[in-house]
Structure formats: structure tokens, C-alpha cells
Amino acid sequence: MSSSGDTDRLAREVDFLKALVRVPSDNPPGDCAPHAEIAGQLLEELGFEVP
């Protein structure tokens, strides 16, 4: 049985992935800088240290 913490964690993970797939990262031309910037911001919001 899932706990409330597991449900909250899953919701944060789904929100993270939804935000990532909203950012275009078409290849070619391979310009993924905007996608990388968003990924970095989202990871920092989750408590990760992003250089």
C-alpha cells in the first residue's frame, strides 16, 4: 500500500517529466540548450546541485 509520501513523490516526478517534455529539443538542428536550462532549473527546485 502506498503512503502519502510516495504519492507526493510520484506527483513531483510526473510534474518534472511533464515540464521537460514541454520544452522543444528537436534534432536536427540539435539546439538543446533551452532544454538543458529548464532541466537544470527543475533539478535545482528538487534540491539537486547543478553546476
C-alpha atoms as a PDB file:
ATOM      1  CA  MET A   1       0.000   0.000   0.000  1.00  0.00           C
ATOM      2  CA  SER A   2       1.340   3.453  -0.914  1.00  0.00           C
ATOM      3  CA  SER A   3       1.925   6.080   1.691  1.00  0.00           C
ATOM      4  CA  SER A   4       1.107   9.747   1.248  1.00  0.00           C
ATOM      5  CA  GLY A   5       4.839  10.438   0.852  1.00  0.00           C
ATOM      6  CA  ASP A   6       5.075   8.003  -2.048  1.00  0.00           C
ATOM      7  CA  THR A   7       2.105   9.640  -3.724  1.00  0.00           C
ATOM      8  CA  ASP A   8       3.620  13.109  -3.287  1.00  0.00           C
ATOM      9  CA  ARG A   9       6.956  11.931  -4.650  1.00  0.00           C
ATOM     10  CA  LEU A  10       5.321  10.349  -7.674  1.00  0.00           C
ATOM     11  CA  ALA A  11       3.373  13.554  -8.359  1.00  0.00           C
ATOM     12  CA  ARG A  12       6.601  15.621  -8.216  1.00  0.00           C
ATOM     13  CA  GLU A  13       8.328  13.185 -10.568  1.00  0.00           C
ATOM     14  CA  VAL A  14       5.440  13.309 -13.046  1.00  0.00           C
ATOM     15  CA  ASP A  15       5.385  17.123 -12.904  1.00  0.00           C
ATOM     16  CA  PHE A  16       9.144  17.171 -13.536  1.00  0.00           C
ATOM     17  CA  LEU A  17       8.824  14.949 -16.597  1.00  0.00           C
ATOM     18  CA  LYS A  18       5.839  16.900 -17.944  1.00  0.00           C
ATOM     19  CA  ALA A  19       7.839  20.120 -17.719  1.00  0.00           C
ATOM     20  CA  LEU A  20      10.759  18.534 -19.580  1.00  0.00           C
ATOM     21  CA  VAL A  21       8.708  17.223 -22.477  1.00  0.00           C
ATOM     22  CA  ARG A  22       7.045  20.629 -22.964  1.00  0.00           C
ATOM     23  CA  VAL A  23      10.403  22.148 -23.994  1.00  0.00           C
ATOM     24  CA  PRO A  24      11.310  21.594 -27.656  1.00  0.00           C
ATOM     25  CA  SER A  25      14.523  19.653 -28.247  1.00  0.00           C
ATOM     26  CA  ASP A  26      14.154  18.809 -31.919  1.00  0.00           C
ATOM     27  CA  ASN A  27      17.052  17.150 -33.711  1.00  0.00           C
ATOM     28  CA  PRO A  28      18.335  18.304 -36.115  1.00  0.00           C
ATOM     29  CA  PRO A  29      19.445  21.062 -35.633  1.00  0.00           C
ATOM     30  CA  GLY A  30      20.374  19.810 -32.184  1.00  0.00           C
ATOM     31  CA  ASP A  31      19.932  23.029 -30.208  1.00  0.00           C
ATOM     32  CA  CYS A  32      19.130  21.511 -26.832  1.00  0.00           C
ATOM     33  CA  ALA A  33      20.395  24.445 -24.724  1.00  0.00           C
ATOM     34  CA  PRO A  34      16.879  25.624 -23.757  1.00  0.00           C
ATOM     35  CA  HIS A  35      16.004  22.069 -22.713  1.00  0.00           C
ATOM     36  CA  ALA A  36      19.192  21.795 -20.638  1.00  0.00           C
ATOM     37  CA  GLU A  37      18.485  25.109 -18.924  1.00  0.00           C
ATOM     38  CA  ILE A  38      14.982  24.028 -17.935  1.00  0.00           C
ATOM     39  CA  ALA A  39      16.258  20.643 -16.758  1.00  0.00           C
ATOM     40  CA  GLY A  40      18.837  22.388 -14.567  1.00  0.00           C
ATOM     41  CA  GLN A  41      16.256  24.717 -13.061  1.00  0.00           C
ATOM     42  CA  LEU A  42      13.857  21.870 -12.342  1.00  0.00           C
ATOM     43  CA  LEU A  43      16.589  19.768 -10.748  1.00  0.00           C
ATOM     44  CA  GLU A  44      17.623  22.682  -8.521  1.00  0.00           C
ATOM     45  CA  GLU A  45      14.000  23.065  -7.428  1.00  0.00           C
ATOM     46  CA  LEU A  46      14.121  19.405  -6.372  1.00  0.00           C
ATOM     47  CA  GLY A  47      17.228  20.067  -4.268  1.00  0.00           C
ATOM     48  CA  PHE A  48      19.958  18.920  -6.638  1.00  0.00           C
ATOM     49  CA  GLU A  49      23.140  20.940  -7.079  1.00  0.00           C
ATOM     50  CA  VAL A  50      23.569  21.815 -10.735  1.00  0.00           C
ATOM     51  CA  PRO A  51      26.905  23.285 -11.853  1.00  0.00           C
END
